[in-house]
């Protein structure tokens, strides 16, 4: 197992999970957009691309200054800090009951 052949299936599975939330988020954006779902989708995709590019840039800067191992630890800790923020989000209104579906 030292040849690294097991890395390919692991990377494929991780890639599938990393992009799994995008269609769900896009559907939520389009549902809450009101009269212009295409414009809301464009804004969401633009912000998503910009934030992803900025994240890569700043993680690169951080890894150059403190080292790659420490930069990964900082990213992991920041991800864990985000969990309570998600739990504290307000409950959403149900649009399904308003539409009668």
PDB file of N, CA and C in Angstrom:
ATOM      1  N   UNK A   1       0.810  -1.202   0.000  1.00  0.00           N
ATOM      2  CA  UNK A   1       0.000   0.000   0.000  1.00  0.00           C
ATOM      3  C   UNK A   1       0.849   1.260   0.000  1.00  0.00           C
ATOM      4  N   UNK A   2       2.143   1.120  -0.038  1.00  0.00           N
ATOM      5  CA  UNK A   2       2.997   2.302  -0.019  1.00  0.00           C
ATOM      6  C   UNK A   2       3.099   2.953  -1.397  1.00  0.00           C
ATOM      7  N   UNK A   3       2.487   2.337  -2.418  1.00  0.00           N
ATOM      8  CA  UNK A   3       2.589   2.909  -3.764  1.00  0.00           C
ATOM      9  C   UNK A   3       1.659   4.090  -3.971  1.00  0.00           C
ATOM     10  N   UNK A   4       0.682   4.253  -3.129  1.00  0.00           N
ATOM     11  CA  UNK A   4      -0.221   5.392  -3.243  1.00  0.00           C
ATOM     12  C   UNK A   4      -1.421   5.138  -4.130  1.00  0.00           C
ATOM     13  N   UNK A   5      -1.659   3.909  -4.539  1.00  0.00           N
ATOM     14  CA  UNK A   5      -2.818   3.611  -5.377  1.00  0.00           C
ATOM     15  C   UNK A   5      -4.140   3.824  -4.632  1.00  0.00           C
ATOM     16  N   UNK A   6      -4.096   3.735  -3.336  1.00  0.00           N
ATOM     17  CA  UNK A   6      -5.322   3.925  -2.553  1.00  0.00           C
ATOM     18  C   UNK A   6      -5.718   5.394  -2.484  1.00  0.00           C
ATOM     19  N   UNK A   7      -4.804   6.306  -2.843  1.00  0.00           N
ATOM     20  CA  UNK A   7      -5.110   7.732  -2.785  1.00  0.00           C
ATOM     21  C   UNK A   7      -6.140   8.156  -3.835  1.00  0.00           C
ATOM     22  N   UNK A   8      -6.125   7.534  -4.997  1.00  0.00           N
ATOM     23  CA  UNK A   8      -7.046   7.921  -6.056  1.00  0.00           C
ATOM     24  C   UNK A   8      -8.500   7.708  -5.653  1.00  0.00           C
ATOM     25  N   UNK A   9      -8.897   6.539  -5.149  1.00  0.00           N
ATOM     26  CA  UNK A   9     -10.299   6.396  -4.735  1.00  0.00           C
ATOM     27  C   UNK A   9     -10.675   7.329  -3.581  1.00  0.00           C
ATOM     28  N   UNK A  10      -9.751   7.557  -2.676  1.00  0.00           N
ATOM     29  CA  UNK A  10     -10.041   8.470  -1.563  1.00  0.00           C
ATOM     30  C   UNK A  10     -10.251   9.882  -2.079  1.00  0.00           C
ATOM     31  N   UNK A  11      -9.417  10.333  -2.999  1.00  0.00           N
ATOM     32  CA  UNK A  11      -9.572  11.672  -3.566  1.00  0.00           C
ATOM     33  C   UNK A  11     -10.854  11.811  -4.369  1.00  0.00           C
ATOM     34  N   UNK A  12     -11.264  10.752  -5.069  1.00  0.00           N
ATOM     35  CA  UNK A  12     -12.518  10.796  -5.821  1.00  0.00           C
ATOM     36  C   UNK A  12     -13.701  10.946  -4.876  1.00  0.00           C
ATOM     37  N   UNK A  13     -13.708  10.188  -3.800  1.00  0.00           N
ATOM     38  CA  UNK A  13     -14.807  10.276  -2.829  1.00  0.00           C
ATOM     39  C   UNK A  13     -14.815  11.645  -2.151  1.00  0.00           C
ATOM     40  N   UNK A  14     -13.652  12.145  -1.768  1.00  0.00           N
ATOM     41  CA  UNK A  14     -13.592  13.476  -1.159  1.00  0.00           C
ATOM     42  C   UNK A  14     -14.045  14.559  -2.134  1.00  0.00           C
ATOM     43  N   UNK A  15     -13.708  14.423  -3.400  1.00  0.00           N
ATOM     44  CA  UNK A  15     -14.157  15.380  -4.398  1.00  0.00           C
ATOM     45  C   UNK A  15     -15.663  15.374  -4.565  1.00  0.00           C
ATOM     46  N   UNK A  16     -16.263  14.180  -4.525  1.00  0.00           N
ATOM     47  CA  UNK A  16     -17.719  14.104  -4.627  1.00  0.00           C
ATOM     48  C   UNK A  16     -18.396  14.776  -3.442  1.00  0.00           C
ATOM     49  N   UNK A  17     -17.867  14.561  -2.255  1.00  0.00           N
ATOM     50  CA  UNK A  17     -18.470  15.172  -1.071  1.00  0.00           C
ATOM     51  C   UNK A  17     -18.228  16.679  -1.012  1.00  0.00           C
ATOM     52  N   UNK A  18     -17.108  17.141  -1.547  1.00  0.00           N
ATOM     53  CA  UNK A  18     -16.835  18.572  -1.458  1.00  0.00           C
ATOM     54  C   UNK A  18     -17.749  19.376  -2.370  1.00  0.00           C
ATOM     55  N   UNK A  19     -18.232  18.792  -3.451  1.00  0.00           N
ATOM     56  CA  UNK A  19     -19.132  19.503  -4.355  1.00  0.00           C
ATOM     57  C   UNK A  19     -20.592  19.105  -4.164  1.00  0.00           C
ATOM     58  N   UNK A  20     -20.904  18.299  -3.177  1.00  0.00           N
ATOM     59  CA  UNK A  20     -22.266  17.803  -3.007  1.00  0.00           C
ATOM     60  C   UNK A  20     -23.243  18.886  -2.563  1.00  0.00           C
ATOM     61  N   UNK A  21     -22.784  19.886  -1.847  1.00  0.00           N
ATOM     62  CA  UNK A  21     -23.692  20.907  -1.350  1.00  0.00           C
ATOM     63  C   UNK A  21     -24.018  22.004  -2.337  1.00  0.00           C
ATOM     64  N   UNK A  22     -23.265  22.114  -3.418  1.00  0.00           N
ATOM     65  CA  UNK A  22     -23.465  23.208  -4.365  1.00  0.00           C
ATOM     66  C   UNK A  22     -24.840  23.178  -5.039  1.00  0.00           C
ATOM     67  N   UNK A  23     -25.326  22.056  -5.556  1.00  0.00           N
ATOM     68  CA  UNK A  23     -26.658  22.070  -6.171  1.00  0.00           C
ATOM     69  C   UNK A  23     -27.775  22.389  -5.172  1.00  0.00           C
ATOM     70  N   UNK A  24     -27.605  21.948  -3.937  1.00  0.00           N
ATOM     71  CA  UNK A  24     -28.612  22.228  -2.918  1.00  0.00           C
ATOM     72  C   UNK A  24     -28.639  23.718  -2.606  1.00  0.00           C
ATOM     73  N   UNK A  25     -27.475  24.313  -2.467  1.00  0.00           N
ATOM     74  CA  UNK A  25     -27.400  25.746  -2.192  1.00  0.00           C
ATOM     75  C   UNK A  25     -27.936  26.551  -3.367  1.00  0.00           C
ATOM     76  N   UNK A  26     -27.644  26.135  -4.587  1.00  0.00           N
ATOM     77  CA  UNK A  26     -28.164  26.840  -5.747  1.00  0.00           C
ATOM     78  C   UNK A  26     -29.686  26.763  -5.806  1.00  0.00           C
ATOM     79  N   UNK A  27     -30.247  25.622  -5.454  1.00  0.00           N
ATOM     80  CA  UNK A  27     -31.709  25.501  -5.429  1.00  0.00           C
ATOM     81  C   UNK A  27     -32.311  26.409  -4.365  1.00  0.00           C
ATOM     82  N   UNK A  28     -31.666  26.497  -3.211  1.00  0.00           N
ATOM     83  CA  UNK A  28     -32.166  27.396  -2.164  1.00  0.00           C
ATOM     84  C   UNK A  28     -32.078  28.855  -2.589  1.00  0.00           C
ATOM     85  N   UNK A  29     -30.994  29.222  -3.270  1.00  0.00           N
ATOM     86  CA  UNK A  29     -30.841  30.598  -3.749  1.00  0.00           C
ATOM     87  C   UNK A  29     -31.927  30.909  -4.767  1.00  0.00           C
ATOM     88  N   UNK A  30     -32.174  30.011  -5.697  1.00  0.00           N
ATOM     89  CA  UNK A  30     -33.186  30.255  -6.716  1.00  0.00           C
ATOM     90  C   UNK A  30     -34.588  30.299  -6.117  1.00  0.00           C
ATOM     91  N   UNK A  31     -34.832  29.490  -5.102  1.00  0.00           N
ATOM     92  CA  UNK A  31     -36.143  29.473  -4.465  1.00  0.00           C
ATOM     93  C   UNK A  31     -36.415  30.769  -3.711  1.00  0.00           C
ATOM     94  N   UNK A  32     -35.404  31.317  -3.083  1.00  0.00           N
ATOM     95  CA  UNK A  32     -35.599  32.536  -2.296  1.00  0.00           C
ATOM     96  C   UNK A  32     -35.368  33.809  -3.096  1.00  0.00           C
ATOM     97  N   UNK A  33     -35.110  33.683  -4.398  1.00  0.00           N
ATOM     98  CA  UNK A  33     -34.787  34.847  -5.219  1.00  0.00           C
ATOM     99  C   UNK A  33     -35.996  35.684  -5.563  1.00  0.00           C
ATOM    100  N   UNK A  34     -37.163  35.117  -5.524  1.00  0.00           N
ATOM    101  CA  UNK A  34     -38.340  35.874  -5.907  1.00  0.00           C
ATOM    102  C   UNK A  34     -38.509  35.900  -7.412  1.00  0.00           C
ATOM    103  N   UNK A  35     -38.517  37.115  -7.988  1.00  0.00           N
ATOM    104  CA  UNK A  35     -38.809  37.267  -9.405  1.00  0.00           C
ATOM    105  C   UNK A  35     -37.643  37.057 -10.341  1.00  0.00           C
ATOM    106  N   UNK A  36     -36.415  37.049  -9.849  1.00  0.00           N
ATOM    107  CA  UNK A  36     -35.263  36.914 -10.749  1.00  0.00           C
ATOM    108  C   UNK A  36     -34.294  35.857 -10.238  1.00  0.00           C
ATOM    109  N   UNK A  37     -34.628  34.587 -10.420  1.00  0.00           N
ATOM    110  CA  UNK A  37     -33.723  33.535  -9.942  1.00  0.00           C
ATOM    111  C   UNK A  37     -32.413  33.471 -10.716  1.00  0.00           C
ATOM    112  N   UNK A  38     -32.422  33.867 -11.988  1.00  0.00           N
ATOM    113  CA  UNK A  38     -31.177  33.820 -12.766  1.00  0.00           C
ATOM    114  C   UNK A  38     -30.167  34.834 -12.241  1.00  0.00           C
ATOM    115  N   UNK A  39     -30.640  36.019 -11.885  1.00  0.00           N
ATOM    116  CA  UNK A  39     -29.733  37.037 -11.339  1.00  0.00           C
ATOM    117  C   UNK A  39     -29.185  36.590  -9.988  1.00  0.00           C
ATOM    118  N   UNK A  40     -30.040  36.022  -9.150  1.00  0.00           N
ATOM    119  CA  UNK A  40     -29.581  35.541  -7.850  1.00  0.00           C
ATOM    120  C   UNK A  40     -28.580  34.409  -8.008  1.00  0.00           C
ATOM    121  N   UNK A  41     -28.815  33.531  -8.976  1.00  0.00           N
ATOM    122  CA  UNK A  41     -27.884  32.440  -9.234  1.00  0.00           C
ATOM    123  C   UNK A  41     -26.541  32.981  -9.712  1.00  0.00           C
ATOM    124  N   UNK A  42     -26.566  34.000 -10.568  1.00  0.00           N
ATOM    125  CA  UNK A  42     -25.327  34.606 -11.034  1.00  0.00           C
ATOM    126  C   UNK A  42     -24.542  35.264  -9.913  1.00  0.00           C
ATOM    127  N   UNK A  43     -25.250  35.958  -9.032  1.00  0.00           N
ATOM    128  CA  UNK A  43     -24.585  36.589  -7.887  1.00  0.00           C
ATOM    129  C   UNK A  43     -23.988  35.527  -6.972  1.00  0.00           C
ATOM    130  N   UNK A  44     -24.749  34.457  -6.728  1.00  0.00           N
ATOM    131  CA  UNK A  44     -24.244  33.375  -5.875  1.00  0.00           C
ATOM    132  C   UNK A  44     -22.999  32.736  -6.480  1.00  0.00           C
ATOM    133  N   UNK A  45     -23.039  32.444  -7.777  1.00  0.00           N
ATOM    134  CA  UNK A  45     -21.887  31.802  -8.410  1.00  0.00           C
ATOM    135  C   UNK A  45     -20.667  32.722  -8.413  1.00  0.00           C
ATOM    136  N   UNK A  46     -20.895  34.015  -8.625  1.00  0.00           N
ATOM    137  CA  UNK A  46     -19.788  34.968  -8.607  1.00  0.00           C
ATOM    138  C   UNK A  46     -19.152  35.043  -7.226  1.00  0.00           C
ATOM    139  N   UNK A  47     -19.991  35.189  -6.206  1.00  0.00           N
ATOM    140  CA  UNK A  47     -19.462  35.259  -4.841  1.00  0.00           C
ATOM    141  C   UNK A  47     -18.776  33.959  -4.440  1.00  0.00           C
ATOM    142  N   UNK A  48     -19.333  32.834  -4.853  1.00  0.00           N
ATOM    143  CA  UNK A  48     -18.740  31.537  -4.540  1.00  0.00           C
ATOM    144  C   UNK A  48     -17.360  31.410  -5.176  1.00  0.00           C
ATOM    145  N   UNK A  49     -17.227  31.838  -6.430  1.00  0.00           N
ATOM    146  CA  UNK A  49     -15.938  31.767  -7.109  1.00  0.00           C
ATOM    147  C   UNK A  49     -14.916  32.696  -6.460  1.00  0.00           C
ATOM    148  N   UNK A  50     -15.336  33.925  -6.159  1.00  0.00           N
ATOM    149  CA  UNK A  50     -14.408  34.898  -5.569  1.00  0.00           C
ATOM    150  C   UNK A  50     -13.955  34.440  -4.184  1.00  0.00           C
ATOM    151  N   UNK A  51     -14.883  33.966  -3.367  1.00  0.00           N
ATOM    152  CA  UNK A  51     -14.520  33.530  -2.018  1.00  0.00           C
ATOM    153  C   UNK A  51     -13.607  32.303  -2.058  1.00  0.00           C
ATOM    154  N   UNK A  52     -13.848  31.398  -3.002  1.00  0.00           N
ATOM    155  CA  UNK A  52     -12.967  30.246  -3.139  1.00  0.00           C
ATOM    156  C   UNK A  52     -11.561  30.640  -3.546  1.00  0.00           C
ATOM    157  N   UNK A  53     -11.468  31.580  -4.485  1.00  0.00           N
ATOM    158  CA  UNK A  53     -10.150  32.044  -4.923  1.00  0.00           C
ATOM    159  C   UNK A  53      -9.423  32.777  -3.799  1.00  0.00           C
ATOM    160  N   UNK A  54     -10.150  33.599  -3.038  1.00  0.00           N
ATOM    161  CA  UNK A  54      -9.528  34.293  -1.917  1.00  0.00           C
ATOM    162  C   UNK A  54      -9.094  33.326  -0.823  1.00  0.00           C
ATOM    163  N   UNK A  55      -9.882  32.284  -0.600  1.00  0.00           N
ATOM    164  CA  UNK A  55      -9.506  31.295   0.411  1.00  0.00           C
ATOM    165  C   UNK A  55      -8.201  30.597   0.030  1.00  0.00           C
ATOM    166  N   UNK A  56      -8.079  30.212  -1.223  1.00  0.00           N
ATOM    167  CA  UNK A  56      -6.836  29.567  -1.679  1.00  0.00           C
ATOM    168  C   UNK A  56      -5.658  30.517  -1.525  1.00  0.00           C
ATOM    169  N   UNK A  57      -5.856  31.779  -1.880  1.00  0.00           N
ATOM    170  CA  UNK A  57      -4.786  32.768  -1.780  1.00  0.00           C
ATOM    171  C   UNK A  57      -4.334  32.938  -0.330  1.00  0.00           C
ATOM    172  N   UNK A  58      -5.288  33.115   0.595  1.00  0.00           N
ATOM    173  CA  UNK A  58      -4.914  33.360   1.981  1.00  0.00           C
ATOM    174  C   UNK A  58      -4.369  32.117   2.681  1.00  0.00           C
ATOM    175  N   UNK A  59      -4.856  30.943   2.319  1.00  0.00           N
ATOM    176  CA  UNK A  59      -4.261  29.726   2.881  1.00  0.00           C
ATOM    177  C   UNK A  59      -2.838  29.562   2.365  1.00  0.00           C
ATOM    178  N   UNK A  60      -2.594  29.936   1.116  1.00  0.00           N
ATOM    179  CA  UNK A  60      -1.228  29.904   0.586  1.00  0.00           C
ATOM    180  C   UNK A  60      -0.311  30.870   1.310  1.00  0.00           C
ATOM    181  N   UNK A  61      -0.805  32.094   1.549  1.00  0.00           N
ATOM    182  CA  UNK A  61      -0.001  33.052   2.315  1.00  0.00           C
ATOM    183  C   UNK A  61       0.277  32.544   3.727  1.00  0.00           C
ATOM    184  N   UNK A  62      -0.753  31.984   4.347  1.00  0.00           N
ATOM    185  CA  UNK A  62      -0.593  31.485   5.705  1.00  0.00           C
ATOM    186  C   UNK A  62       0.383  30.315   5.738  1.00  0.00           C
ATOM    187  N   UNK A  63       0.305  29.425   4.747  1.00  0.00           N
ATOM    188  CA  UNK A  63       1.223  28.285   4.745  1.00  0.00           C
ATOM    189  C   UNK A  63       2.658  28.719   4.463  1.00  0.00           C
ATOM    190  N   UNK A  64       2.832  29.790   3.691  1.00  0.00           N
ATOM    191  CA  UNK A  64       4.188  30.312   3.476  1.00  0.00           C
ATOM    192  C   UNK A  64       4.762  30.931   4.742  1.00  0.00           C
ATOM    193  N   UNK A  65       3.905  31.537   5.553  1.00  0.00           N
ATOM    194  CA  UNK A  65       4.422  32.225   6.735  1.00  0.00           C
ATOM    195  C   UNK A  65       4.554  31.323   7.957  1.00  0.00           C
ATOM    196  N   UNK A  66       3.615  30.398   8.173  1.00  0.00           N
ATOM    197  CA  UNK A  66       3.685  29.570   9.389  1.00  0.00           C
ATOM    198  C   UNK A  66       3.921  28.098   9.099  1.00  0.00           C
ATOM    199  N   UNK A  67       3.910  27.707   7.846  1.00  0.00           N
ATOM    200  CA  UNK A  67       4.120  26.302   7.495  1.00  0.00           C
ATOM    201  C   UNK A  67       2.812  25.634   7.105  1.00  0.00           C
ATOM    202  N   UNK A  68       2.926  24.619   6.262  1.00  0.00           N
ATOM    203  CA  UNK A  68       1.746  23.954   5.727  1.00  0.00           C
ATOM    204  C   UNK A  68       0.974  23.189   6.791  1.00  0.00           C
ATOM    205  N   UNK A  69       1.682  22.509   7.690  1.00  0.00           N
ATOM    206  CA  UNK A  69       0.997  21.746   8.740  1.00  0.00           C
ATOM    207  C   UNK A  69       0.169  22.648   9.640  1.00  0.00           C
ATOM    208  N   UNK A  70       0.766  23.754  10.071  1.00  0.00           N
ATOM    209  CA  UNK A  70       0.047  24.675  10.948  1.00  0.00           C
ATOM    210  C   UNK A  70      -1.110  25.350  10.214  1.00  0.00           C
ATOM    211  N   UNK A  71      -0.931  25.621   8.928  1.00  0.00           N
ATOM    212  CA  UNK A  71      -2.013  26.235   8.151  1.00  0.00           C
ATOM    213  C   UNK A  71      -3.199  25.285   8.053  1.00  0.00           C
ATOM    214  N   UNK A  72      -2.953  24.000   7.873  1.00  0.00           N
ATOM    215  CA  UNK A  72      -4.055  23.027   7.844  1.00  0.00           C
ATOM    216  C   UNK A  72      -4.752  22.951   9.198  1.00  0.00           C
ATOM    217  N   UNK A  73      -3.990  23.040  10.276  1.00  0.00           N
ATOM    218  CA  UNK A  73      -4.601  23.028  11.601  1.00  0.00           C
ATOM    219  C   UNK A  73      -5.476  24.265  11.816  1.00  0.00           C
ATOM    220  N   UNK A  74      -5.002  25.417  11.360  1.00  0.00           N
ATOM    221  CA  UNK A  74      -5.805  26.641  11.487  1.00  0.00           C
ATOM    222  C   UNK A  74      -7.101  26.498  10.691  1.00  0.00           C
ATOM    223  N   UNK A  75      -7.017  25.945   9.483  1.00  0.00           N
ATOM    224  CA  UNK A  75      -8.226  25.745   8.669  1.00  0.00           C
ATOM    225  C   UNK A  75      -9.188  24.775   9.335  1.00  0.00           C
ATOM    226  N   UNK A  76      -8.666  23.718   9.934  1.00  0.00           N
ATOM    227  CA  UNK A  76      -9.529  22.750  10.619  1.00  0.00           C
ATOM    228  C   UNK A  76     -10.207  23.381  11.822  1.00  0.00           C
ATOM    229  N   UNK A  77      -9.472  24.167  12.579  1.00  0.00           N
ATOM    230  CA  UNK A  77     -10.058  24.822  13.760  1.00  0.00           C
ATOM    231  C   UNK A  77     -11.112  25.839  13.331  1.00  0.00           C
ATOM    232  N   UNK A  78     -10.833  26.608  12.277  1.00  0.00           N
ATOM    233  CA  UNK A  78     -11.827  27.567  11.794  1.00  0.00           C
ATOM    234  C   UNK A  78     -13.089  26.860  11.298  1.00  0.00           C
ATOM    235  N   UNK A  79     -12.932  25.703  10.691  1.00  0.00           N
ATOM    236  CA  UNK A  79     -14.104  24.934  10.264  1.00  0.00           C
ATOM    237  C   UNK A  79     -14.925  24.467  11.455  1.00  0.00           C
ATOM    238  N   UNK A  80     -14.250  24.035  12.508  1.00  0.00           N
ATOM    239  CA  UNK A  80     -14.971  23.600  13.708  1.00  0.00           C
ATOM    240  C   UNK A  80     -15.636  24.767  14.421  1.00  0.00           C
ATOM    241  N   UNK A  81     -15.030  25.950  14.362  1.00  0.00           N
ATOM    242  CA  UNK A  81     -15.633  27.130  14.975  1.00  0.00           C
ATOM    243  C   UNK A  81     -16.911  27.520  14.227  1.00  0.00           C
ATOM    244  N   UNK A  82     -16.992  27.197  12.957  1.00  0.00           N
ATOM    245  CA  UNK A  82     -18.175  27.525  12.173  1.00  0.00           C
ATOM    246  C   UNK A  82     -19.390  26.691  12.510  1.00  0.00           C
ATOM    247  N   UNK A  83     -19.219  25.540  13.128  1.00  0.00           N
ATOM    248  CA  UNK A  83     -20.354  24.667  13.448  1.00  0.00           C
ATOM    249  C   UNK A  83     -21.337  25.338  14.399  1.00  0.00           C
ATOM    250  N   UNK A  84     -20.898  25.953  15.517  1.00  0.00           N
ATOM    251  CA  UNK A  84     -21.880  26.640  16.362  1.00  0.00           C
ATOM    252  C   UNK A  84     -22.565  27.800  15.648  1.00  0.00           C
ATOM    253  N   UNK A  85     -21.875  28.440  14.728  1.00  0.00           N
ATOM    254  CA  UNK A  85     -22.498  29.534  13.969  1.00  0.00           C
ATOM    255  C   UNK A  85     -23.649  29.008  13.121  1.00  0.00           C
ATOM    256  N   UNK A  86     -23.500  27.833  12.552  1.00  0.00           N
ATOM    257  CA  UNK A  86     -24.568  27.242  11.759  1.00  0.00           C
ATOM    258  C   UNK A  86     -25.733  26.836  12.654  1.00  0.00           C
ATOM    259  N   UNK A  87     -25.428  26.317  13.824  1.00  0.00           N
ATOM    260  CA  UNK A  87     -26.486  25.905  14.750  1.00  0.00           C
ATOM    261  C   UNK A  87     -27.276  27.117  15.230  1.00  0.00           C
ATOM    262  N   UNK A  88     -26.627  28.259  15.374  1.00  0.00           N
ATOM    263  CA  UNK A  88     -27.293  29.464  15.858  1.00  0.00           C
ATOM    264  C   UNK A  88     -28.075  30.218  14.790  1.00  0.00           C
ATOM    265  N   UNK A  89     -28.045  29.755  13.550  1.00  0.00           N
ATOM    266  CA  UNK A  89     -28.820  30.408  12.498  1.00  0.00           C
ATOM    267  C   UNK A  89     -30.310  30.317  12.813  1.00  0.00           C
ATOM    268  N   UNK A  90     -31.079  31.341  12.451  1.00  0.00           N
ATOM    269  CA  UNK A  90     -32.516  31.272  12.730  1.00  0.00           C
ATOM    270  C   UNK A  90     -33.185  30.209  11.875  1.00  0.00           C
ATOM    271  N   UNK A  91     -34.276  29.699  12.389  1.00  0.00           N
ATOM    272  CA  UNK A  91     -35.041  28.696  11.652  1.00  0.00           C
ATOM    273  C   UNK A  91     -35.669  29.361  10.434  1.00  0.00           C
ATOM    274  N   UNK A  92     -35.651  28.676   9.309  1.00  0.00           N
ATOM    275  CA  UNK A  92     -36.175  29.277   8.081  1.00  0.00           C
ATOM    276  C   UNK A  92     -37.682  29.120   8.003  1.00  0.00           C
ATOM    277  N   UNK A  93     -38.274  30.009   7.232  1.00  0.00           N
ATOM    278  CA  UNK A  93     -39.709  29.918   6.995  1.00  0.00           C
ATOM    279  C   UNK A  93     -39.948  28.825   5.974  1.00  0.00           C
ATOM    280  N   UNK A  94     -41.065  28.162   6.109  1.00  0.00           N
ATOM    281  CA  UNK A  94     -41.392  27.097   5.167  1.00  0.00           C
ATOM    282  C   UNK A  94     -42.150  27.691   3.995  1.00  0.00           C
ATOM    283  N   UNK A  95     -41.542  27.673   2.813  1.00  0.00           N
ATOM    284  CA  UNK A  95     -42.199  28.183   1.610  1.00  0.00           C
ATOM    285  C   UNK A  95     -43.116  27.118   1.008  1.00  0.00           C
ATOM    286  N   UNK A  96     -42.894  25.876   1.352  1.00  0.00           N
ATOM    287  CA  UNK A  96     -43.702  24.801   0.779  1.00  0.00           C
ATOM    288  C   UNK A  96     -45.151  24.935   1.252  1.00  0.00           C
ATOM    289  N   UNK A  97     -45.342  25.246   2.530  1.00  0.00           N
ATOM    290  CA  UNK A  97     -46.707  25.365   3.031  1.00  0.00           C
ATOM    291  C   UNK A  97     -47.429  26.568   2.430  1.00  0.00           C
ATOM    292  N   UNK A  98     -46.691  27.633   2.068  1.00  0.00           N
ATOM    293  CA  UNK A  98     -47.313  28.815   1.478  1.00  0.00           C
ATOM    294  C   UNK A  98     -47.742  28.561   0.037  1.00  0.00           C
ATOM    295  N   UNK A  99     -47.039  27.666  -0.635  1.00  0.00           N
ATOM    296  CA  UNK A  99     -47.359  27.387  -2.035  1.00  0.00           C
ATOM    297  C   UNK A  99     -48.428  26.317  -2.177  1.00  0.00           C
ATOM    298  N   UNK A 100     -48.719  25.649  -1.085  1.00  0.00           N
ATOM    299  CA  UNK A 100     -49.750  24.631  -1.161  1.00  0.00           C
ATOM    300  C   UNK A 100     -49.259  23.295  -1.668  1.00  0.00           C
ATOM    301  N   UNK A 101     -47.937  23.072  -1.623  1.00  0.00           N
ATOM    302  CA  UNK A 101     -47.395  21.820  -2.133  1.00  0.00           C
ATOM    303  C   UNK A 101     -46.877  21.029  -1.075  1.00  0.00           C
TER     304      UNK A 101
END
